[in-house]
Amino acid sequence: MKQRVVVTGMGVMTSLGHDLNEFWGSLLEGKSGISLIDAFDVSAYPTRIAAEIKNFDPEKFGIDKKEARRMDRFVQFAAVASQNAIKDADLQIGENVDAERVGIMIGSGIGGLGTWEDQHNILLEKGPKRVSPFFIPMMIANMASGQVSIMTGAKGPNSTAVTACATGTHSIGDSFKLIQRGEADAMICGGAEATIRPTGMAGFCSMRAMSTRNEEPEKASRPFDTGRDGFVMGEGSGILILESLEHAQRRGAKIYAEVIGYGMSGDAHHMTEPDPEGAARCMIRAIKDADIAPEEVDYINAHGTSTPVGDLSETTAVKKAFGEHAYKLAVSSTKSMTGHLLGAAGGVEAVIVGLTLANDVIAPTINLDDQDPECDLDYVPNVARKTTVKTAMSNSFGFGGHNATIIMRKYEA
């Protein structure tokens, strides 16, 4: 028999807030976390803005100084968000839960880009003998899962998804399936990313994928608006604690929502350009997995990156998946406020869906001042909406044609 799976804890590290209350409050206020980059000199870059986490000091969040030096920034984000989620869930590994039944799946689309840059510079300037022995274990994408396991003592299934911008959602969906089939009682899952670095910015600038609205950073991410001109990079982490319902009830855990469906698909189309057929298949598979009718979905947290091609493709995909019900759905892109956290986006947006279901409020799509007539759905423009949300979907689509969708619903015993 399949286990029911619920969300019992959540944690974030974003430019909009470092704890759930601050983060959620900023979203409902329609606050932008996007500003001019101050981590390095961006004067030569076409894009000089990002959703950057300013003045981040891992020691202030309880990470030991020595250990922090051996973690890339993306791992530090994951560690803090995981600690927050574990505390939120009151998950006492080795005490009120069996360590061997708690797993971890925290993905990253790119991994330790900052560590790679720093060590490459050392190689060029000082030679190979000066490259850190921690270079490789700091850089590799699986180290967020590895370090969180070491920190927490979780000894269950431990893995990492790397599927570009679909990473966080794949991590949560795969964790959902592990618990559903009885291979774990609880999973610490989500995504982490830290690519606001010279090479990361240069690469995306060369692709002409990012907004160049540098004079108005807070207005640069504008999904589904006619003035959208590219995405805005973000950084951080979003982590969920998933548990089997039986396990959560046994320890008296609070429950935010229930995870009921997961879909994944491949476009087999293009390295960077999305195909609405693939995204539609992904949503349909998630609906089928959840064993619900499409009409039961009330809200979609869209991938909605603010790129001209991507937003139109997702709108088309929603129509293909939902038919006439597409026009009755509420759809919003919170990337208008958080920026696009790449591999961490799905984790952060799953947290948002959990909070939406728990509070019956939909965070808006800000900067939607002149809606693209071809993007003709209800995108909850500019102002949060108080409404009953029983079932919600989160979409993530990544370079390479990787698509992932999860569905959650309001928990009922």
Protein backbone atom coordinates (compact mmCIF):
# COMPACT_ATOMS: atom_id res chain seq x y z
CA MET A 1 0.00 0.00 0.00
CA LYS A 2 1.30 3.46 -0.90
CA GLN A 3 2.16 5.72 2.01
CA ARG A 4 0.53 9.14 2.18
CA VAL A 5 3.19 11.86 2.27
CA VAL A 6 2.92 15.19 4.10
CA VAL A 7 4.96 18.36 4.55
CA THR A 8 5.89 18.90 8.21
CA GLY A 9 8.67 21.49 8.00
CA MET A 10 10.03 24.16 5.67
CA GLY A 11 13.07 26.40 5.54
CA VAL A 12 14.38 29.09 3.20
CA MET A 13 17.40 31.25 2.61
CA THR A 14 16.57 33.95 0.05
CA SER A 15 17.03 37.62 -0.72
CA LEU A 16 13.46 38.14 0.55
CA GLY A 17 14.03 36.59 3.96
CA HIS A 18 15.91 34.06 6.02
CA ASP A 19 12.95 32.63 7.90
CA LEU A 20 9.45 31.61 6.86
CA ASN A 21 7.59 34.51 8.42
CA GLU A 22 9.85 37.17 6.93
CA PHE A 23 9.86 35.43 3.56
CA TRP A 24 6.09 34.90 3.41
CA GLY A 25 5.37 38.43 4.60
CA SER A 26 7.61 39.89 1.88
CA LEU A 27 5.88 37.82 -0.80
CA LEU A 28 2.40 38.87 0.29
CA GLU A 29 3.49 42.52 0.33
CA GLY A 30 4.68 42.14 -3.27
CA LYS A 31 8.21 43.09 -2.25
CA SER A 32 11.09 42.58 -4.70
CA GLY A 33 14.34 41.00 -3.53
CA ILE A 34 16.21 42.21 -6.61
CA SER A 35 18.90 44.91 -6.41
CA LEU A 36 22.26 45.95 -7.85
CA ILE A 37 24.95 43.32 -7.38
CA ASP A 38 27.64 44.27 -4.87
CA ALA A 39 29.49 40.93 -4.57
CA PHE A 40 31.90 41.91 -7.38
CA ASP A 41 32.45 44.61 -9.99
CA VAL A 42 29.71 44.31 -12.61
CA SER A 43 30.38 47.56 -14.47
CA ALA A 44 31.38 45.70 -17.65
CA TYR A 45 28.30 43.43 -17.63
CA PRO A 46 25.10 44.10 -19.59
CA THR A 47 23.16 42.80 -16.56
CA ARG A 48 24.18 44.28 -13.22
CA ILE A 49 21.28 43.17 -11.04
CA ALA A 50 20.29 40.00 -9.17
CA ALA A 51 18.33 38.68 -6.19
CA GLU A 52 21.48 38.57 -4.09
CA ILE A 53 21.62 37.58 -0.43
CA LYS A 54 23.53 40.48 1.10
CA ASN A 55 26.08 40.17 3.92
CA PHE A 56 25.53 36.45 4.41
CA ASP A 57 27.60 35.09 7.31
CA PRO A 58 27.08 31.36 7.92
CA GLU A 59 28.46 31.67 11.48
CA LYS A 60 25.51 33.87 12.41
CA PHE A 61 23.29 30.93 11.51
CA GLY A 62 25.17 28.44 13.65
CA ILE A 63 27.55 26.99 11.07
CA ASP A 64 30.99 26.38 12.63
CA LYS A 65 33.65 28.70 11.19
CA LYS A 66 36.01 25.86 10.30
CA GLU A 67 33.24 23.84 8.66
CA ALA A 68 31.93 26.89 6.78
CA ARG A 69 35.36 27.39 5.16
CA ARG A 70 35.02 23.90 3.71
CA MET A 71 31.61 24.58 2.19
CA ASP A 72 30.82 26.38 -1.03
CA ARG A 73 28.24 29.14 -0.67
CA PHE A 74 25.48 26.95 -2.14
CA VAL A 75 26.16 24.32 0.54
CA GLN A 76 26.08 26.97 3.25
CA PHE A 77 22.66 28.08 2.02
CA ALA A 78 21.42 24.49 2.02
CA ALA A 79 22.77 23.89 5.51
CA VAL A 80 21.01 26.93 6.97
CA ALA A 81 17.70 26.27 5.18
CA SER A 82 17.83 22.60 6.24
CA GLN A 83 18.45 23.54 9.86
CA ASN A 84 15.48 25.90 9.71
CA ALA A 85 13.25 23.23 8.17
CA ILE A 86 14.32 20.59 10.71
CA LYS A 87 13.62 22.98 13.57
CA ASP A 88 10.27 23.92 12.05
CA ALA A 89 9.33 20.23 11.86
CA ASP A 90 10.72 19.44 15.33
CA LEU A 91 12.53 16.56 13.65
CA GLN A 92 14.98 15.24 16.25
CA ILE A 93 17.04 12.77 14.24
CA GLY A 94 18.18 9.88 16.37
CA GLU A 95 15.67 10.78 19.11
CA ASN A 96 12.08 11.09 17.89
CA VAL A 97 13.00 9.68 14.46
CA ASP A 98 15.23 6.78 13.36
CA ALA A 99 18.34 8.22 11.66
CA GLU A 100 18.46 5.30 9.23
CA ARG A 101 14.93 6.13 8.05
CA VAL A 102 15.65 9.82 7.32
CA GLY A 103 17.03 10.57 3.86
CA ILE A 104 18.32 13.64 2.07
CA MET A 105 17.96 14.82 -1.51
CA ILE A 106 19.14 18.40 -2.02
CA GLY A 107 20.00 19.26 -5.61
CA SER A 108 21.89 22.05 -7.34
CA GLY A 109 21.78 22.95 -10.98
CA ILE A 110 25.41 24.10 -11.13
CA GLY A 111 26.99 23.41 -7.75
CA GLY A 112 30.14 25.09 -6.43
CA LEU A 113 30.76 27.66 -9.14
CA GLY A 114 32.36 30.11 -6.70
CA THR A 115 34.79 27.49 -5.44
CA TRP A 116 35.69 26.54 -9.02
CA GLU A 117 36.40 30.19 -9.90
CA ASP A 118 38.48 30.85 -6.79
CA GLN A 119 40.60 27.72 -7.14
CA HIS A 120 41.10 28.22 -10.87
CA ASN A 121 42.45 31.69 -10.16
CA ILE A 122 44.83 30.22 -7.58
CA LEU A 123 45.97 27.62 -10.14
CA LEU A 124 46.76 30.31 -12.70
CA GLU A 125 48.41 32.72 -10.27
CA LYS A 126 50.24 30.40 -7.85
CA GLY A 127 50.42 26.99 -9.50
CA PRO A 128 48.88 23.54 -8.91
CA LYS A 129 50.44 22.94 -5.49
CA ARG A 130 48.45 25.82 -4.02
CA VAL A 131 45.04 24.49 -5.09
CA SER A 132 43.04 23.52 -2.01
CA PRO A 133 42.67 19.81 -1.15
CA PHE A 134 39.05 20.69 -0.46
CA PHE A 135 38.50 22.02 -4.00
CA ILE A 136 36.75 18.95 -5.40
CA PRO A 137 34.59 18.04 -2.37
CA MET A 138 33.55 21.70 -2.01
CA MET A 139 32.62 22.07 -5.68
CA ILE A 140 30.66 18.92 -6.51
CA ALA A 141 26.88 19.29 -6.65
CA ASN A 142 26.08 16.39 -4.30
CA MET A 143 27.85 18.02 -1.37
CA ALA A 144 24.76 19.85 -0.10
CA SER A 145 23.16 16.45 0.53
CA GLY A 146 26.44 15.10 1.88
CA GLN A 147 27.11 17.94 4.30
CA VAL A 148 23.54 18.10 5.59
CA SER A 149 23.74 14.36 6.24
CA ILE A 150 26.97 14.84 8.19
CA MET A 151 25.50 17.76 10.15
CA THR A 152 22.24 16.03 11.04
CA GLY A 153 23.22 12.37 11.28
CA ALA A 154 20.56 11.36 8.72
CA LYS A 155 21.60 7.93 7.40
CA GLY A 156 18.74 7.07 5.03
CA PRO A 157 18.60 7.39 1.22
CA ASN A 158 20.98 10.15 0.13
CA SER A 159 21.20 11.45 -3.41
CA THR A 160 21.28 14.55 -5.61
CA ALA A 161 19.33 15.60 -8.68
CA VAL A 162 21.05 17.84 -11.24
CA THR A 163 18.48 18.88 -13.82
CA ALA A 164 19.15 22.59 -14.28
CA CYS A 165 16.16 24.69 -13.23
CA ALA A 166 14.01 21.59 -12.61
CA THR A 167 16.42 20.32 -9.93
CA GLY A 168 14.55 21.40 -6.80
CA THR A 169 11.24 20.00 -7.96
CA HIS A 170 12.81 16.71 -9.07
CA SER A 171 14.45 16.45 -5.64
CA ILE A 172 11.12 16.87 -3.87
CA GLY A 173 9.25 14.59 -6.27
CA ASP A 174 11.85 11.84 -6.01
CA SER A 175 11.78 12.15 -2.20
CA PHE A 176 7.99 11.91 -2.27
CA LYS A 177 8.26 8.63 -4.17
CA LEU A 178 10.88 7.20 -1.78
CA ILE A 179 8.55 7.76 1.16
CA GLN A 180 5.47 6.66 -0.77
CA ARG A 181 7.00 3.24 -1.46
CA GLY A 182 8.27 2.85 2.11
CA GLU A 183 12.01 3.35 1.64
CA ALA A 184 12.17 6.24 4.12
CA ASP A 185 10.01 7.72 6.87
CA ALA A 186 11.22 11.27 6.27
CA MET A 187 13.21 13.18 3.66
CA ILE A 188 15.04 16.50 3.83
CA CYS A 189 14.72 17.75 0.26
CA GLY A 190 14.88 20.73 -2.05
CA GLY A 191 17.54 22.74 -3.84
CA ALA A 192 20.38 25.21 -3.34
CA GLU A 193 22.24 27.52 -5.72
CA ALA A 194 24.89 30.26 -5.61
CA THR A 195 25.81 31.36 -9.13
CA ILE A 196 25.90 35.15 -8.80
CA ARG A 197 29.57 35.00 -9.74
CA PRO A 198 31.61 36.52 -12.60
CA THR A 199 31.49 33.43 -14.81
CA GLY A 200 27.84 32.65 -14.02
CA MET A 201 26.74 36.17 -14.87
CA ALA A 202 28.98 36.31 -17.95
CA GLY A 203 27.63 33.05 -19.32
CA PHE A 204 23.98 34.02 -19.01
CA CYS A 205 24.71 37.53 -20.31
CA SER A 206 26.34 36.03 -23.40
CA MET A 207 23.16 34.02 -23.96
CA ARG A 208 21.18 37.27 -23.73
CA ALA A 209 18.90 35.45 -21.33
CA MET A 210 18.82 38.00 -18.51
CA SER A 211 17.05 41.30 -18.04
CA THR A 212 19.09 44.46 -18.60
CA ARG A 213 16.67 46.73 -16.72
CA ASN A 214 19.52 47.84 -14.45
CA GLU A 215 18.06 51.24 -13.57
CA GLU A 216 14.94 49.66 -12.05
CA PRO A 217 16.07 46.37 -10.44
CA GLU A 218 12.86 45.82 -8.49
CA LYS A 219 10.87 46.04 -11.76
CA ALA A 220 13.17 43.87 -13.88
CA SER A 221 11.49 40.49 -13.34
CA ARG A 222 8.06 40.85 -14.93
CA PRO A 223 6.64 37.47 -15.97
CA PHE A 224 3.83 37.50 -18.56
CA ASP A 225 4.22 41.27 -19.09
CA THR A 226 4.82 42.74 -22.55
CA GLY A 227 7.91 44.51 -21.20
CA ARG A 228 9.68 41.36 -20.02
CA ASP A 229 13.23 41.10 -21.36
CA GLY A 230 14.76 38.15 -19.55
CA PHE A 231 15.10 36.52 -16.17
CA VAL A 232 16.88 37.88 -13.11
CA MET A 233 19.28 35.51 -11.35
CA GLY A 234 18.68 34.68 -7.70
CA GLU A 235 20.50 32.62 -5.10
CA GLY A 236 19.61 30.71 -1.96
CA SER A 237 17.88 27.54 -0.88
CA GLY A 238 14.42 26.11 -0.24
CA ILE A 239 14.04 22.93 1.82
CA LEU A 240 11.04 20.78 2.77
CA ILE A 241 10.68 18.05 5.36
CA LEU A 242 8.50 15.31 3.91
CA GLU A 243 7.21 12.46 6.06
CA SER A 244 4.86 9.57 5.73
CA LEU A 245 1.54 10.54 7.26
CA GLU A 246 1.75 7.61 9.67
CA HIS A 247 5.18 8.73 10.89
CA ALA A 248 4.11 12.37 11.24
CA GLN A 249 1.00 11.43 13.19
CA ARG A 250 2.92 9.08 15.44
CA ARG A 251 5.19 11.88 16.62
CA GLY A 252 2.45 14.53 16.69
CA ALA A 253 3.94 16.71 13.95
CA LYS A 254 2.15 19.72 12.52
CA ILE A 255 1.21 19.31 8.87
CA TYR A 256 1.30 22.08 6.25
CA ALA A 257 0.01 20.12 3.27
CA GLU A 258 -0.04 16.72 1.59
CA VAL A 259 2.01 15.86 -1.52
CA ILE A 260 -0.18 13.86 -3.87
CA GLY A 261 1.34 13.91 -7.36
CA TYR A 262 4.61 14.06 -9.28
CA GLY A 263 5.26 14.21 -12.98
CA MET A 264 8.39 14.41 -15.08
CA SER A 265 9.11 14.49 -18.80
CA GLY A 266 11.72 15.37 -21.41
CA ASP A 267 11.21 17.71 -24.36
CA ALA A 268 13.69 15.96 -26.71
CA HIS A 269 13.66 19.29 -28.47
CA HIS A 270 16.44 21.85 -27.82
CA MET A 271 19.21 22.67 -25.34
CA THR A 272 17.65 25.91 -24.13
CA GLU A 273 14.34 26.55 -25.89
CA PRO A 274 11.29 25.00 -24.18
CA ASP A 275 8.64 22.90 -25.89
CA PRO A 276 5.11 23.36 -24.52
CA GLU A 277 4.25 19.77 -25.45
CA GLY A 278 6.83 18.45 -22.97
CA ALA A 279 5.68 20.74 -20.18
CA ALA A 280 2.05 19.80 -20.80
CA ARG A 281 2.91 16.08 -20.64
CA CYS A 282 4.65 16.68 -17.34
CA MET A 283 1.61 18.38 -15.80
CA ILE A 284 -0.73 15.69 -17.13
CA ARG A 285 1.46 12.97 -15.63
CA ALA A 286 1.41 14.71 -12.25
CA ILE A 287 -2.39 14.98 -12.38
CA LYS A 288 -2.65 11.30 -13.26
CA ASP A 289 -0.23 10.35 -10.49
CA ALA A 290 -2.31 12.37 -8.01
CA ASP A 291 -5.45 10.54 -9.22
CA ILE A 292 -7.42 13.77 -9.49
CA ALA A 293 -9.33 15.54 -12.23
CA PRO A 294 -7.62 18.57 -13.82
CA GLU A 295 -10.55 20.70 -12.61
CA GLU A 296 -9.54 20.04 -9.00
CA VAL A 297 -6.36 22.14 -9.33
CA ASP A 298 -6.97 25.67 -8.00
CA TYR A 299 -3.55 27.28 -8.31
CA ILE A 300 -0.29 26.88 -10.21
CA ASN A 301 2.98 28.37 -9.05
CA ALA A 302 4.39 28.86 -12.53
CA HIS A 303 7.96 28.41 -13.67
CA GLY A 304 7.37 31.92 -15.07
CA THR A 305 10.93 33.17 -15.55
CA SER A 306 10.14 36.47 -17.32
CA THR A 307 11.69 35.42 -20.64
CA PRO A 308 9.73 36.22 -23.81
CA VAL A 309 9.79 32.62 -25.08
CA GLY A 310 9.49 30.78 -21.76
CA ASP A 311 6.41 32.53 -20.40
CA LEU A 312 4.47 32.05 -23.62
CA SER A 313 5.52 28.39 -23.81
CA GLU A 314 4.32 27.70 -20.26
CA THR A 315 1.03 29.49 -20.89
CA THR A 316 0.49 27.30 -23.97
CA ALA A 317 1.39 24.20 -21.96
CA VAL A 318 -1.10 25.03 -19.20
CA LYS A 319 -3.85 25.36 -21.83
CA LYS A 320 -2.87 22.01 -23.38
CA ALA A 321 -2.89 20.29 -19.99
CA PHE A 322 -6.06 21.86 -18.57
CA GLY A 323 -8.22 22.83 -21.54
CA GLU A 324 -10.96 25.32 -20.60
CA HIS A 325 -10.11 24.96 -16.91
CA ALA A 326 -6.88 26.87 -17.63
CA TYR A 327 -8.93 30.07 -17.60
CA LYS A 328 -10.39 29.28 -14.18
CA LEU A 329 -7.03 28.64 -12.54
CA ALA A 330 -5.03 31.17 -10.59
CA VAL A 331 -1.44 31.21 -11.86
CA SER A 332 1.36 33.31 -10.39
CA SER A 333 5.10 33.62 -10.80
CA THR A 334 6.84 34.41 -7.54
CA LYS A 335 10.11 34.73 -9.48
CA SER A 336 8.91 38.28 -10.04
CA MET A 337 10.02 38.80 -6.42
CA THR A 338 12.60 36.11 -5.64
CA GLY A 339 14.39 36.14 -8.99
CA HIS A 340 15.20 32.82 -10.62
CA LEU A 341 17.15 30.60 -8.22
CA LEU A 342 17.92 28.03 -10.95
CA GLY A 343 18.37 24.65 -9.21
CA ALA A 344 16.94 26.05 -5.96
CA ALA A 345 13.82 27.53 -7.59
CA GLY A 346 11.69 24.40 -7.21
CA GLY A 347 12.56 24.10 -3.54
CA VAL A 348 11.67 27.70 -2.76
CA GLU A 349 8.48 27.52 -4.82
CA ALA A 350 7.38 24.30 -3.14
CA VAL A 351 7.69 26.15 0.17
CA ILE A 352 5.48 28.87 -1.30
CA VAL A 353 2.88 26.31 -2.37
CA GLY A 354 2.91 24.79 1.11
CA LEU A 355 2.35 28.21 2.67
CA THR A 356 -0.39 28.98 0.12
CA LEU A 357 -2.32 25.84 1.07
CA ALA A 358 -1.85 26.44 4.80
CA ASN A 359 -2.91 30.09 4.68
CA ASP A 360 -5.36 30.34 1.73
CA VAL A 361 -3.49 33.30 0.24
CA ILE A 362 -1.89 33.38 -3.22
CA ALA A 363 1.29 35.43 -3.63
CA PRO A 364 1.07 37.69 -6.68
CA THR A 365 2.97 38.17 -9.91
CA ILE A 366 4.37 41.66 -9.43
CA ASN A 367 5.32 44.07 -12.22
CA LEU A 368 2.45 42.76 -14.36
CA ASP A 369 1.46 46.18 -15.67
CA ASP A 370 0.73 45.42 -19.32
CA GLN A 371 -0.20 41.77 -19.72
CA ASP A 372 0.96 40.08 -22.90
CA PRO A 373 -2.24 39.34 -24.86
CA GLU A 374 -0.82 35.94 -25.82
CA CYS A 375 -0.33 35.16 -22.13
CA ASP A 376 -4.02 35.37 -21.34
CA LEU A 377 -4.49 33.47 -18.06
CA ASP A 378 -5.19 34.77 -14.56
CA TYR A 379 -1.71 35.57 -13.24
CA VAL A 380 -2.82 37.19 -9.93
CA PRO A 381 -1.38 40.58 -10.90
CA ASN A 382 0.48 42.72 -8.37
CA VAL A 383 -1.65 42.09 -5.26
CA ALA A 384 -1.89 38.95 -3.09
CA ARG A 385 -5.25 37.20 -3.28
CA LYS A 386 -7.13 35.76 -0.30
CA THR A 387 -9.01 32.70 -1.55
CA THR A 388 -9.54 29.07 -0.66
CA VAL A 389 -6.87 26.88 -2.25
CA LYS A 390 -7.43 23.14 -1.87
CA THR A 391 -5.07 21.81 -4.54
CA ALA A 392 -1.97 23.47 -5.98
CA MET A 393 0.70 22.67 -8.55
CA SER A 394 4.31 23.81 -8.92
CA ASN A 395 6.14 23.71 -12.26
CA SER A 396 9.87 23.72 -12.98
CA PHE A 397 11.44 23.44 -16.43
CA GLY A 398 15.18 23.24 -17.09
CA PHE A 399 17.72 23.55 -19.87
CA GLY A 400 18.04 20.29 -21.74
CA GLY A 401 14.27 19.86 -21.77
CA HIS A 402 13.93 18.61 -18.18
CA ASN A 403 10.41 19.10 -16.80
CA ALA A 404 9.13 18.49 -13.28
CA THR A 405 5.75 19.09 -11.63
CA ILE A 406 4.52 18.39 -8.12
CA ILE A 407 0.97 18.65 -6.78
CA MET A 408 0.02 19.31 -3.18
CA ARG A 409 -3.35 19.61 -1.52
CA LYS A 410 -4.73 20.88 1.74
CA TYR A 411 -4.26 18.20 4.36
CA GLU A 412 -7.35 16.31 5.52
CA ALA A 413 -7.07 13.46 8.00
